[in-house]
Amino acid sequence: MLWLTENLATVLVLLIVSALVALVIVGMIRDKRKGKSVTCGGCSGCSGNCAHCRAAHAEAIRTAREAKANTGRQYKSQSNSMI
């Protein structure tokens, strides 16, 4: 018991710092589950200039181009079948 009273300030600081670290980790986990990046906080946080956002935007552009190409193919095949 004497050790605890002598080191009470150190123990309190340790508990406060541990609680803050736990809150940060919980926040990071929640952000990750919501789809936000842990590194930059999402595209609004970095204006799309980080590697994560560039990759995400490149994937979205590629997907849109593929969808547009597939729509064009479907239209051509439908018009050919009507002839």
Protein backbone atom coordinates (compact mmCIF):
# COMPACT_ATOMS: atom_id res chain seq x y z
CA MET A 1 0.00 0.00 0.00
CA LEU A 2 2.91 2.33 0.67
CA TRP A 3 4.17 1.89 -2.91
CA LEU A 4 0.77 2.92 -4.32
CA THR A 5 0.60 6.11 -2.27
CA GLU A 6 4.16 7.04 -3.20
CA ASN A 7 3.49 6.52 -6.92
CA LEU A 8 -0.11 7.75 -7.11
CA ALA A 9 0.68 10.60 -9.54
CA THR A 10 2.52 8.24 -11.89
CA VAL A 11 -0.32 5.71 -11.79
CA LEU A 12 -2.91 8.42 -12.55
CA VAL A 13 -0.91 9.73 -15.49
CA LEU A 14 -0.54 6.18 -16.80
CA LEU A 15 -4.31 5.60 -16.56
CA ILE A 16 -5.11 8.88 -18.34
CA VAL A 17 -2.65 8.22 -21.17
CA SER A 18 -3.93 4.64 -21.53
CA ALA A 19 -7.52 5.90 -21.75
CA LEU A 20 -6.58 8.43 -24.46
CA VAL A 21 -4.76 5.79 -26.50
CA ALA A 22 -7.77 3.48 -26.20
CA LEU A 23 -10.10 6.26 -27.41
CA VAL A 24 -7.88 6.93 -30.42
CA ILE A 25 -7.79 3.24 -31.34
CA VAL A 26 -11.57 2.90 -30.99
CA GLY A 27 -12.03 5.96 -33.23
CA MET A 28 -9.70 4.50 -35.85
CA ILE A 29 -11.62 1.21 -35.81
CA ARG A 30 -14.94 3.03 -36.22
CA ASP A 31 -13.56 5.07 -39.11
CA LYS A 32 -12.23 1.93 -40.78
CA ARG A 33 -15.64 0.24 -40.48
CA LYS A 34 -17.25 3.30 -42.07
CA GLY A 35 -14.83 3.03 -44.98
CA LYS A 36 -12.67 5.99 -44.08
CA SER A 37 -8.95 5.65 -44.47
CA VAL A 38 -6.90 5.49 -41.33
CA THR A 39 -4.04 7.28 -43.08
CA CYS A 40 -5.74 10.41 -44.39
CA GLY A 41 -9.29 10.49 -43.03
CA GLY A 42 -10.91 10.22 -46.44
CA CYS A 43 -10.70 12.23 -49.63
CA SER A 44 -12.12 15.36 -48.00
CA GLY A 45 -9.21 15.39 -45.55
CA CYS A 46 -6.42 15.42 -48.14
CA SER A 47 -8.11 16.79 -51.29
CA GLY A 48 -7.38 13.50 -53.05
CA ASN A 49 -3.61 13.96 -52.97
CA CYS A 50 -2.62 10.88 -50.95
CA ALA A 51 -1.84 7.48 -52.46
CA HIS A 52 -4.99 5.91 -51.01
CA CYS A 53 -7.29 8.50 -52.60
CA ARG A 54 -5.49 8.42 -55.96
CA ALA A 55 -5.92 4.64 -56.07
CA ALA A 56 -9.60 4.91 -55.10
CA HIS A 57 -10.26 7.56 -57.75
CA ALA A 58 -8.39 5.58 -60.40
CA GLU A 59 -10.49 2.51 -59.57
CA ALA A 60 -13.72 4.54 -59.81
CA ILE A 61 -12.68 5.97 -63.19
CA ARG A 62 -11.73 2.50 -64.49
CA THR A 63 -15.06 1.07 -63.34
CA ALA A 64 -17.00 3.91 -64.99
CA ARG A 65 -15.13 3.43 -68.27
CA GLU A 66 -15.81 -0.30 -68.21
CA ALA A 67 -19.50 0.30 -67.54
CA LYS A 68 -19.66 2.79 -70.41
CA ALA A 69 -17.89 0.35 -72.74
CA ASN A 70 -20.25 -2.46 -71.76
CA THR A 71 -23.29 -0.23 -72.37
CA GLY A 72 -22.01 0.56 -75.86
CA ARG A 73 -21.55 -3.14 -76.62
CA GLN A 74 -25.05 -3.96 -75.44
CA TYR A 75 -26.51 -1.19 -77.62
CA LYS A 76 -24.62 -2.43 -80.68
CA SER A 77 -25.71 -6.02 -80.14
CA GLN A 78 -29.33 -4.96 -79.73
CA SER A 79 -29.26 -2.84 -82.89
CA ASN A 80 -27.66 -5.68 -84.87
CA SER A 81 -30.33 -8.14 -83.76
CA MET A 82 -33.10 -5.80 -84.98
CA ILE A 83 -31.73 -5.71 -88.52
